[in-house]
Amino acid sequence: MSAAPRLEELARLELVGDGGVTPRLHAAAAAIAVASPDELQRASLQRRFDRRFLLPLEAAAPLLELIRNDYHVVLAGASRFAQYDTRYFDTPDLRFYHDHHRRRRPRVKVRVRHYIDRALSMLELKQKTVKGDTVEHRWDRDADALALSHAEQELAASSIAPIDTHGPLVTLVDRGLR
């Protein structure tokens, strides 16, 4: 009998706060080894477990210093930090949010993400199927557009009540040393 495939673990740290990347945070991220192409390939496969953490900017450097031997960092271009702004959309009763936290399937997530480093903006629709697979649709959009176009509004299926997040993002991949 063969063992079940190992789930690759990704951890994404979304940092919130004023001031951006401090020298200590830069040094803490620089001390983490870069993920190898093999690690990136394994992490890109469907069987993975993503953990996302929203934490205050001032807590990031101590955390990265603590976990630096357990994870490798995923580069965003040549940088350890990806700069983007995200606006999530939901129904007036926050159905998408509640479905996610109740782990309901199927469920959906709608967002506009502006990748600042690349001057790229995308409307993104992620659907979690009944089987647990994630299907993602992405459409290019005008990076300078502040509001959704009529066509984007239709794609977003009348989702309203945006929730904004912005700041640096660090993506880490588990080294599998446990």
N, C-alpha and C. Protein backbone atom coordinates (compact mmCIF):
# COMPACT_ATOMS: atom_id res chain seq x y z
N MET A 1 0.85 -1.17 0.00
CA MET A 1 0.00 0.00 0.00
C MET A 1 0.90 1.23 0.00
N SER A 2 0.66 2.15 -0.93
CA SER A 2 1.49 3.35 -1.02
C SER A 2 0.95 4.44 -0.10
N ALA A 3 1.86 5.27 0.37
CA ALA A 3 1.47 6.38 1.25
C ALA A 3 0.80 7.47 0.43
N ALA A 4 -0.08 8.21 1.08
CA ALA A 4 -0.74 9.33 0.41
C ALA A 4 0.29 10.38 0.06
N PRO A 5 0.11 11.08 -1.07
CA PRO A 5 1.06 12.13 -1.43
C PRO A 5 1.10 13.21 -0.35
N ARG A 6 2.27 13.72 -0.10
CA ARG A 6 2.46 14.77 0.91
C ARG A 6 1.86 16.07 0.39
N LEU A 7 1.14 16.75 1.24
CA LEU A 7 0.61 18.05 0.89
C LEU A 7 1.72 19.08 1.05
N GLU A 8 1.97 19.84 0.01
CA GLU A 8 2.92 20.94 0.12
C GLU A 8 2.23 22.07 0.86
N GLU A 9 2.97 22.75 1.69
CA GLU A 9 2.40 23.83 2.48
C GLU A 9 2.99 25.16 2.03
N LEU A 10 2.10 26.10 1.73
CA LEU A 10 2.51 27.47 1.43
C LEU A 10 1.98 28.37 2.54
N ALA A 11 2.78 29.29 2.96
CA ALA A 11 2.34 30.29 3.94
C ALA A 11 2.51 31.66 3.31
N ARG A 12 1.46 32.43 3.30
CA ARG A 12 1.52 33.79 2.75
C ARG A 12 1.27 34.76 3.89
N LEU A 13 2.20 35.65 4.06
CA LEU A 13 2.09 36.65 5.12
C LEU A 13 1.71 37.98 4.48
N GLU A 14 0.52 38.46 4.76
CA GLU A 14 0.10 39.77 4.29
C GLU A 14 0.32 40.74 5.43
N LEU A 15 1.15 41.73 5.18
CA LEU A 15 1.57 42.66 6.22
C LEU A 15 0.80 43.96 6.08
N VAL A 16 0.27 44.43 7.19
CA VAL A 16 -0.49 45.68 7.18
C VAL A 16 0.13 46.66 8.16
N GLY A 17 0.18 47.89 7.74
CA GLY A 17 0.74 48.95 8.57
C GLY A 17 1.41 49.99 7.72
N ASP A 18 1.76 51.07 8.34
CA ASP A 18 2.42 52.16 7.64
C ASP A 18 3.93 51.98 7.69
N GLY A 19 4.60 52.47 6.68
CA GLY A 19 6.05 52.49 6.71
C GLY A 19 6.71 51.53 5.75
N GLY A 20 6.03 50.53 5.28
CA GLY A 20 6.63 49.62 4.31
C GLY A 20 7.67 48.70 4.93
N VAL A 21 8.57 48.22 4.09
CA VAL A 21 9.57 47.24 4.51
C VAL A 21 10.70 47.96 5.25
N THR A 22 10.86 47.61 6.52
CA THR A 22 11.90 48.22 7.36
C THR A 22 13.24 47.50 7.11
N PRO A 23 14.35 48.10 7.50
CA PRO A 23 15.64 47.40 7.35
C PRO A 23 15.66 46.05 8.07
N ARG A 24 15.07 45.97 9.26
CA ARG A 24 15.05 44.70 9.99
C ARG A 24 14.22 43.65 9.23
N LEU A 25 13.07 44.05 8.69
CA LEU A 25 12.24 43.13 7.93
C LEU A 25 12.97 42.69 6.67
N HIS A 26 13.62 43.62 6.00
CA HIS A 26 14.39 43.28 4.79
C HIS A 26 15.47 42.26 5.13
N ALA A 27 16.19 42.48 6.22
CA ALA A 27 17.25 41.57 6.64
C ALA A 27 16.68 40.20 7.02
N ALA A 28 15.55 40.18 7.72
CA ALA A 28 14.93 38.90 8.12
C ALA A 28 14.51 38.10 6.89
N ALA A 29 13.94 38.76 5.90
CA ALA A 29 13.54 38.06 4.68
C ALA A 29 14.77 37.61 3.89
N ALA A 30 15.83 38.43 3.87
CA ALA A 30 17.04 38.07 3.14
C ALA A 30 17.74 36.86 3.76
N ALA A 31 17.51 36.62 5.05
CA ALA A 31 18.14 35.48 5.73
C ALA A 31 17.46 34.16 5.42
N ILE A 32 16.31 34.20 4.75
CA ILE A 32 15.59 32.97 4.39
C ILE A 32 16.03 32.55 3.00
N ALA A 33 16.41 31.30 2.86
CA ALA A 33 16.85 30.78 1.56
C ALA A 33 15.69 30.84 0.56
N VAL A 34 16.04 31.00 -0.70
CA VAL A 34 15.06 31.06 -1.79
C VAL A 34 14.61 29.65 -2.16
N ALA A 35 13.32 29.49 -2.41
CA ALA A 35 12.76 28.19 -2.82
C ALA A 35 13.38 27.75 -4.14
N SER A 36 13.70 26.49 -4.23
CA SER A 36 14.29 25.93 -5.46
C SER A 36 13.21 25.73 -6.52
N PRO A 37 13.61 25.58 -7.78
CA PRO A 37 12.61 25.29 -8.82
C PRO A 37 11.80 24.03 -8.52
N ASP A 38 12.43 23.01 -7.93
CA ASP A 38 11.69 21.78 -7.57
C ASP A 38 10.64 22.07 -6.50
N GLU A 39 10.97 22.88 -5.51
CA GLU A 39 10.01 23.24 -4.47
C GLU A 39 8.84 24.03 -5.07
N LEU A 40 9.16 24.95 -5.98
CA LEU A 40 8.11 25.72 -6.63
C LEU A 40 7.21 24.83 -7.46
N GLN A 41 7.78 23.86 -8.16
CA GLN A 41 6.98 22.93 -8.96
C GLN A 41 6.05 22.12 -8.08
N ARG A 42 6.57 21.59 -6.97
CA ARG A 42 5.73 20.82 -6.05
C ARG A 42 4.62 21.68 -5.48
N ALA A 43 4.95 22.91 -5.11
CA ALA A 43 3.95 23.81 -4.51
C ALA A 43 2.91 24.26 -5.52
N SER A 44 3.24 24.24 -6.80
CA SER A 44 2.29 24.69 -7.81
C SER A 44 1.28 23.61 -8.17
N LEU A 45 1.53 22.38 -7.76
CA LEU A 45 0.60 21.30 -8.05
C LEU A 45 -0.66 21.45 -7.22
N GLN A 46 -1.72 20.76 -7.64
CA GLN A 46 -3.03 20.93 -7.01
C GLN A 46 -3.03 20.55 -5.53
N ARG A 47 -2.29 19.51 -5.16
CA ARG A 47 -2.34 19.04 -3.77
C ARG A 47 -1.42 19.89 -2.90
N ARG A 48 -1.95 20.99 -2.45
CA ARG A 48 -1.19 21.85 -1.57
C ARG A 48 -2.13 22.45 -0.54
N PHE A 49 -1.54 22.93 0.50
CA PHE A 49 -2.29 23.53 1.59
C PHE A 49 -1.77 24.95 1.78
N ASP A 50 -2.61 25.92 1.52
CA ASP A 50 -2.21 27.33 1.67
C ASP A 50 -2.68 27.85 3.02
N ARG A 51 -1.78 28.50 3.70
CA ARG A 51 -2.11 29.21 4.94
C ARG A 51 -1.83 30.68 4.68
N ARG A 52 -2.78 31.51 4.99
CA ARG A 52 -2.60 32.95 4.83
C ARG A 52 -2.74 33.61 6.18
N PHE A 53 -1.83 34.52 6.44
CA PHE A 53 -1.82 35.21 7.72
C PHE A 53 -1.79 36.71 7.47
N LEU A 54 -2.63 37.42 8.14
CA LEU A 54 -2.65 38.87 8.12
C LEU A 54 -2.05 39.32 9.45
N LEU A 55 -0.92 40.02 9.38
CA LEU A 55 -0.31 40.42 10.64
C LEU A 55 0.25 41.83 10.56
N PRO A 56 0.37 42.46 11.72
CA PRO A 56 0.91 43.82 11.74
C PRO A 56 2.34 43.84 11.22
N LEU A 57 2.67 44.88 10.50
CA LEU A 57 3.99 45.03 9.91
C LEU A 57 5.09 44.84 10.95
N GLU A 58 4.90 45.39 12.16
CA GLU A 58 5.94 45.32 13.18
C GLU A 58 6.16 43.90 13.70
N ALA A 59 5.23 42.98 13.47
CA ALA A 59 5.38 41.60 13.93
C ALA A 59 6.09 40.72 12.90
N ALA A 60 6.24 41.21 11.67
CA ALA A 60 6.76 40.38 10.58
C ALA A 60 8.22 39.99 10.76
N ALA A 61 9.09 40.94 11.07
CA ALA A 61 10.53 40.62 11.20
C ALA A 61 10.77 39.58 12.29
N PRO A 62 10.22 39.76 13.51
CA PRO A 62 10.44 38.72 14.53
C PRO A 62 9.92 37.34 14.10
N LEU A 63 8.79 37.31 13.40
CA LEU A 63 8.25 36.03 12.95
C LEU A 63 9.16 35.39 11.91
N LEU A 64 9.61 36.16 10.92
CA LEU A 64 10.50 35.61 9.89
C LEU A 64 11.81 35.13 10.51
N GLU A 65 12.33 35.84 11.48
CA GLU A 65 13.55 35.41 12.17
C GLU A 65 13.33 34.07 12.88
N LEU A 66 12.15 33.89 13.43
CA LEU A 66 11.83 32.67 14.16
C LEU A 66 11.68 31.46 13.23
N ILE A 67 11.11 31.64 12.04
CA ILE A 67 10.79 30.50 11.16
C ILE A 67 11.76 30.34 10.00
N ARG A 68 12.84 31.09 9.96
CA ARG A 68 13.72 31.11 8.78
C ARG A 68 14.29 29.76 8.41
N ASN A 69 14.45 28.84 9.36
CA ASN A 69 14.99 27.52 9.05
C ASN A 69 13.91 26.52 8.63
N ASP A 70 12.65 26.89 8.76
CA ASP A 70 11.55 25.98 8.45
C ASP A 70 10.93 26.22 7.08
N TYR A 71 11.22 27.36 6.47
CA TYR A 71 10.62 27.73 5.19
C TYR A 71 11.66 28.29 4.24
N HIS A 72 11.35 28.25 2.97
CA HIS A 72 12.09 28.94 1.93
C HIS A 72 11.18 30.01 1.36
N VAL A 73 11.73 31.11 0.92
CA VAL A 73 10.92 32.22 0.41
C VAL A 73 10.72 32.06 -1.10
N VAL A 74 9.54 32.43 -1.56
CA VAL A 74 9.22 32.43 -2.99
C VAL A 74 9.42 33.85 -3.49
N LEU A 75 10.25 34.00 -4.52
CA LEU A 75 10.54 35.34 -5.04
C LEU A 75 9.39 35.86 -5.88
N ALA A 76 9.20 37.17 -5.82
CA ALA A 76 8.26 37.89 -6.68
C ALA A 76 9.14 38.68 -7.64
N GLY A 77 9.42 38.09 -8.80
CA GLY A 77 10.44 38.68 -9.68
C GLY A 77 11.79 38.44 -9.02
N ALA A 78 12.50 39.51 -8.72
CA ALA A 78 13.79 39.40 -8.04
C ALA A 78 13.67 39.76 -6.56
N SER A 79 12.47 40.05 -6.09
CA SER A 79 12.27 40.54 -4.73
C SER A 79 11.62 39.48 -3.83
N ARG A 80 11.89 39.58 -2.55
CA ARG A 80 11.24 38.72 -1.57
C ARG A 80 9.87 39.26 -1.16
N PHE A 81 9.54 40.46 -1.62
CA PHE A 81 8.27 41.08 -1.28
C PHE A 81 7.50 41.41 -2.56
N ALA A 82 6.23 41.06 -2.58
CA ALA A 82 5.35 41.43 -3.69
C ALA A 82 4.49 42.58 -3.20
N GLN A 83 4.43 43.63 -3.98
CA GLN A 83 3.61 44.78 -3.61
C GLN A 83 2.32 44.73 -4.42
N TYR A 84 1.21 44.63 -3.72
CA TYR A 84 -0.06 44.68 -4.44
C TYR A 84 -1.16 45.20 -3.54
N ASP A 85 -2.19 45.70 -4.18
CA ASP A 85 -3.41 46.12 -3.50
C ASP A 85 -4.52 45.18 -3.93
N THR A 86 -5.36 44.81 -2.99
CA THR A 86 -6.45 43.89 -3.28
C THR A 86 -7.76 44.46 -2.75
N ARG A 87 -8.79 44.31 -3.54
CA ARG A 87 -10.14 44.66 -3.10
C ARG A 87 -11.00 43.41 -3.30
N TYR A 88 -11.56 42.93 -2.20
CA TYR A 88 -12.45 41.77 -2.25
C TYR A 88 -13.89 42.26 -2.36
N PHE A 89 -14.71 41.49 -3.05
CA PHE A 89 -16.12 41.81 -3.23
C PHE A 89 -16.95 40.68 -2.64
N ASP A 90 -18.09 41.06 -2.09
CA ASP A 90 -18.96 40.08 -1.45
C ASP A 90 -20.40 40.52 -1.63
N THR A 91 -21.29 39.67 -1.22
CA THR A 91 -22.71 40.01 -1.24
C THR A 91 -23.01 40.88 -0.03
N PRO A 92 -24.16 41.57 -0.01
CA PRO A 92 -24.48 42.43 1.14
C PRO A 92 -24.48 41.67 2.48
N ASP A 93 -24.82 40.38 2.46
CA ASP A 93 -24.84 39.60 3.71
C ASP A 93 -23.52 38.85 3.94
N LEU A 94 -22.47 39.18 3.17
CA LEU A 94 -21.14 38.59 3.30
C LEU A 94 -21.14 37.08 3.10
N ARG A 95 -21.90 36.63 2.14
CA ARG A 95 -22.02 35.20 1.88
C ARG A 95 -20.68 34.56 1.54
N PHE A 96 -19.86 35.19 0.68
CA PHE A 96 -18.58 34.60 0.28
C PHE A 96 -17.68 34.43 1.50
N TYR A 97 -17.64 35.44 2.34
CA TYR A 97 -16.83 35.40 3.55
C TYR A 97 -17.28 34.27 4.47
N HIS A 98 -18.58 34.21 4.74
CA HIS A 98 -19.10 33.17 5.65
C HIS A 98 -18.95 31.78 5.05
N ASP A 99 -19.17 31.63 3.75
CA ASP A 99 -18.97 30.32 3.11
C ASP A 99 -17.53 29.85 3.27
N HIS A 100 -16.59 30.77 3.10
CA HIS A 100 -15.18 30.42 3.25
C HIS A 100 -14.88 29.96 4.67
N HIS A 101 -15.31 30.71 5.66
CA HIS A 101 -15.01 30.36 7.05
C HIS A 101 -15.78 29.15 7.54
N ARG A 102 -16.87 28.82 6.88
CA ARG A 102 -17.61 27.59 7.21
C ARG A 102 -17.15 26.42 6.35
N ARG A 103 -16.16 26.70 5.47
CA ARG A 103 -15.59 25.69 4.56
C ARG A 103 -16.64 25.05 3.67
N ARG A 104 -17.61 25.83 3.27
CA ARG A 104 -18.66 25.33 2.40
C ARG A 104 -18.13 25.12 0.99
N ARG A 105 -18.67 24.13 0.32
CA ARG A 105 -18.37 23.88 -1.08
C ARG A 105 -19.67 23.62 -1.80
N PRO A 106 -19.84 24.13 -2.97
CA PRO A 106 -18.94 25.06 -3.67
C PRO A 106 -19.02 26.45 -3.05
N ARG A 107 -17.97 27.24 -3.31
CA ARG A 107 -17.95 28.63 -2.86
C ARG A 107 -17.14 29.44 -3.86
N VAL A 108 -17.18 30.76 -3.68
CA VAL A 108 -16.54 31.64 -4.65
C VAL A 108 -15.85 32.80 -3.92
N LYS A 109 -14.81 33.34 -4.55
CA LYS A 109 -14.13 34.54 -4.07
C LYS A 109 -13.95 35.44 -5.29
N VAL A 110 -14.30 36.72 -5.12
CA VAL A 110 -14.16 37.69 -6.21
C VAL A 110 -13.28 38.82 -5.70
N ARG A 111 -12.26 39.17 -6.49
CA ARG A 111 -11.38 40.26 -6.09
C ARG A 111 -10.79 40.95 -7.30
N VAL A 112 -10.34 42.18 -7.07
CA VAL A 112 -9.51 42.90 -8.03
C VAL A 112 -8.16 43.04 -7.36
N ARG A 113 -7.13 42.58 -8.03
CA ARG A 113 -5.78 42.67 -7.48
C ARG A 113 -4.93 43.49 -8.43
N HIS A 114 -4.30 44.52 -7.86
CA HIS A 114 -3.38 45.35 -8.63
C HIS A 114 -1.96 45.00 -8.19
N TYR A 115 -1.19 44.44 -9.11
CA TYR A 115 0.20 44.06 -8.86
C TYR A 115 1.06 45.29 -9.13
N ILE A 116 1.38 46.01 -8.09
CA ILE A 116 2.05 47.30 -8.21
C ILE A 116 3.40 47.17 -8.89
N ASP A 117 4.18 46.16 -8.52
CA ASP A 117 5.52 45.96 -9.08
C ASP A 117 5.48 45.80 -10.60
N ARG A 118 4.41 45.22 -11.11
CA ARG A 118 4.31 44.92 -12.54
C ARG A 118 3.34 45.83 -13.28
N ALA A 119 2.75 46.80 -12.58
CA ALA A 119 1.75 47.69 -13.18
C ALA A 119 0.70 46.87 -13.93
N LEU A 120 0.19 45.85 -13.24
CA LEU A 120 -0.78 44.93 -13.81
C LEU A 120 -1.98 44.86 -12.88
N SER A 121 -3.16 44.81 -13.44
CA SER A 121 -4.37 44.71 -12.63
C SER A 121 -5.24 43.60 -13.20
N MET A 122 -5.81 42.79 -12.31
CA MET A 122 -6.61 41.64 -12.73
C MET A 122 -7.91 41.57 -11.93
N LEU A 123 -8.99 41.20 -12.61
CA LEU A 123 -10.21 40.78 -11.95
C LEU A 123 -10.07 39.28 -11.79
N GLU A 124 -10.19 38.78 -10.57
CA GLU A 124 -9.98 37.36 -10.30
C GLU A 124 -11.22 36.75 -9.66
N LEU A 125 -11.62 35.61 -10.17
CA LEU A 125 -12.75 34.84 -9.64
C LEU A 125 -12.21 33.46 -9.31
N LYS A 126 -12.27 33.08 -8.04
CA LYS A 126 -11.82 31.76 -7.61
C LYS A 126 -13.02 30.98 -7.13
N GLN A 127 -13.15 29.77 -7.65
CA GLN A 127 -14.25 28.90 -7.26
C GLN A 127 -13.69 27.63 -6.65
N LYS A 128 -14.18 27.29 -5.46
CA LYS A 128 -13.84 26.02 -4.82
C LYS A 128 -14.96 25.05 -5.16
N THR A 129 -14.63 23.96 -5.83
CA THR A 129 -15.65 23.01 -6.28
C THR A 129 -16.09 22.11 -5.13
N VAL A 130 -17.12 21.33 -5.37
CA VAL A 130 -17.62 20.38 -4.39
C VAL A 130 -16.52 19.39 -4.00
N LYS A 131 -15.65 19.03 -4.95
CA LYS A 131 -14.56 18.09 -4.69
C LYS A 131 -13.38 18.74 -3.97
N GLY A 132 -13.39 20.07 -3.83
CA GLY A 132 -12.30 20.76 -3.16
C GLY A 132 -11.25 21.33 -4.08
N ASP A 133 -11.41 21.15 -5.39
CA ASP A 133 -10.49 21.73 -6.35
C ASP A 133 -10.76 23.23 -6.46
N THR A 134 -9.72 24.00 -6.77
CA THR A 134 -9.88 25.43 -6.97
C THR A 134 -9.73 25.74 -8.44
N VAL A 135 -10.73 26.43 -8.98
CA VAL A 135 -10.70 26.88 -10.37
C VAL A 135 -10.61 28.39 -10.34
N GLU A 136 -9.56 28.93 -10.97
CA GLU A 136 -9.35 30.36 -10.96
C GLU A 136 -9.48 30.93 -12.36
N HIS A 137 -10.24 32.02 -12.45
CA HIS A 137 -10.38 32.77 -13.70
C HIS A 137 -9.80 34.14 -13.47
N ARG A 138 -9.02 34.63 -14.44
CA ARG A 138 -8.41 35.95 -14.32
C ARG A 138 -8.60 36.71 -15.62
N TRP A 139 -8.96 37.99 -15.46
CA TRP A 139 -9.12 38.85 -16.62
C TRP A 139 -8.28 40.11 -16.41
N ASP A 140 -7.50 40.48 -17.42
CA ASP A 140 -6.76 41.74 -17.38
C ASP A 140 -7.73 42.89 -17.28
N ARG A 141 -7.31 43.93 -16.61
CA ARG A 141 -8.12 45.14 -16.53
C ARG A 141 -7.20 46.34 -16.52
N ASP A 142 -7.76 47.50 -16.76
CA ASP A 142 -7.02 48.75 -16.77
C ASP A 142 -6.46 49.00 -15.36
N ALA A 143 -5.14 49.09 -15.26
CA ALA A 143 -4.50 49.27 -13.95
C ALA A 143 -4.89 50.58 -13.28
N ASP A 144 -5.32 51.57 -14.06
CA ASP A 144 -5.70 52.87 -13.49
C ASP A 144 -7.18 52.95 -13.12
N ALA A 145 -7.97 51.95 -13.51
CA ALA A 145 -9.40 51.98 -13.25
C ALA A 145 -9.68 51.82 -11.75
N LEU A 146 -10.43 52.73 -11.20
CA LEU A 146 -10.78 52.65 -9.78
C LEU A 146 -12.05 51.84 -9.55
N ALA A 147 -12.96 51.88 -10.49
CA ALA A 147 -14.24 51.19 -10.34
C ALA A 147 -14.31 50.03 -11.34
N LEU A 148 -15.18 49.08 -11.05
CA LEU A 148 -15.42 47.98 -11.99
C LEU A 148 -16.24 48.49 -13.16
N SER A 149 -15.89 48.00 -14.34
CA SER A 149 -16.70 48.31 -15.52
C SER A 149 -18.01 47.54 -15.43
N HIS A 150 -18.94 47.88 -16.31
CA HIS A 150 -20.22 47.16 -16.33
C HIS A 150 -19.98 45.66 -16.57
N ALA A 151 -19.11 45.34 -17.51
CA ALA A 151 -18.81 43.93 -17.79
C ALA A 151 -18.18 43.25 -16.57
N GLU A 152 -17.29 43.95 -15.87
CA GLU A 152 -16.68 43.38 -14.67
C GLU A 152 -17.70 43.20 -13.56
N GLN A 153 -18.63 44.13 -13.47
CA GLN A 153 -19.69 43.99 -12.47
C GLN A 153 -20.50 42.74 -12.75
N GLU A 154 -20.79 42.49 -14.01
CA GLU A 154 -21.53 41.27 -14.35
C GLU A 154 -20.71 40.04 -14.02
N LEU A 155 -19.40 40.09 -14.31
CA LEU A 155 -18.53 38.95 -13.99
C LEU A 155 -18.48 38.72 -12.47
N ALA A 156 -18.50 39.79 -11.73
CA ALA A 156 -18.44 39.68 -10.27
C ALA A 156 -19.78 39.31 -9.66
N ALA A 157 -20.78 39.10 -10.51
CA ALA A 157 -22.08 38.59 -10.08
C ALA A 157 -22.72 39.43 -8.99
N SER A 158 -22.77 40.72 -9.23
CA SER A 158 -23.44 41.66 -8.33
C SER A 158 -22.83 41.69 -6.93
N SER A 159 -21.56 41.35 -6.81
CA SER A 159 -20.89 41.38 -5.51
C SER A 159 -20.58 42.81 -5.12
N ILE A 160 -20.89 43.13 -3.87
CA ILE A 160 -20.60 44.47 -3.37
C ILE A 160 -19.92 44.37 -2.03
N ALA A 161 -19.86 45.43 -1.29
CA ALA A 161 -19.22 45.49 0.03
C ALA A 161 -17.74 45.13 -0.06
N PRO A 162 -16.93 45.94 -0.76
CA PRO A 162 -15.51 45.63 -0.88
C PRO A 162 -14.78 45.74 0.46
N ILE A 163 -13.76 44.90 0.61
CA ILE A 163 -12.88 44.93 1.78
C ILE A 163 -11.47 45.08 1.22
N ASP A 164 -10.80 46.17 1.54
CA ASP A 164 -9.47 46.45 0.99
C ASP A 164 -8.37 45.92 1.90
N THR A 165 -7.32 45.37 1.27
CA THR A 165 -6.07 45.08 1.96
C THR A 165 -4.95 45.61 1.08
N HIS A 166 -3.87 46.02 1.69
CA HIS A 166 -2.72 46.45 0.91
C HIS A 166 -1.48 46.36 1.78
N GLY A 167 -0.35 46.20 1.10
CA GLY A 167 0.91 46.12 1.81
C GLY A 167 1.78 45.03 1.23
N PRO A 168 2.97 44.84 1.79
CA PRO A 168 3.88 43.82 1.27
C PRO A 168 3.35 42.41 1.55
N LEU A 169 3.76 41.48 0.72
CA LEU A 169 3.38 40.07 0.88
C LEU A 169 4.64 39.24 0.81
N VAL A 170 4.79 38.29 1.71
CA VAL A 170 5.89 37.34 1.69
C VAL A 170 5.27 35.97 1.49
N THR A 171 5.71 35.21 0.50
CA THR A 171 5.23 33.84 0.28
C THR A 171 6.36 32.88 0.62
N LEU A 172 6.06 31.91 1.48
CA LEU A 172 7.04 30.94 1.94
C LEU A 172 6.57 29.54 1.57
N VAL A 173 7.52 28.63 1.34
CA VAL A 173 7.17 27.23 1.08
C VAL A 173 7.85 26.37 2.13
N ASP A 174 7.10 25.44 2.69
CA ASP A 174 7.59 24.53 3.74
C ASP A 174 8.75 23.70 3.20
N ARG A 175 9.82 23.61 3.98
CA ARG A 175 10.99 22.82 3.57
C ARG A 175 10.79 21.33 3.77
N GLY A 176 9.74 20.93 4.45
CA GLY A 176 9.44 19.51 4.63
C GLY A 176 10.38 18.79 5.57
N LEU A 177 10.89 19.47 6.57
CA LEU A 177 11.87 18.86 7.48
C LEU A 177 11.24 18.22 8.71
N ARG A 178 9.93 18.22 8.78
CA ARG A 178 9.28 17.67 9.98
C ARG A 178 9.34 16.19 10.01
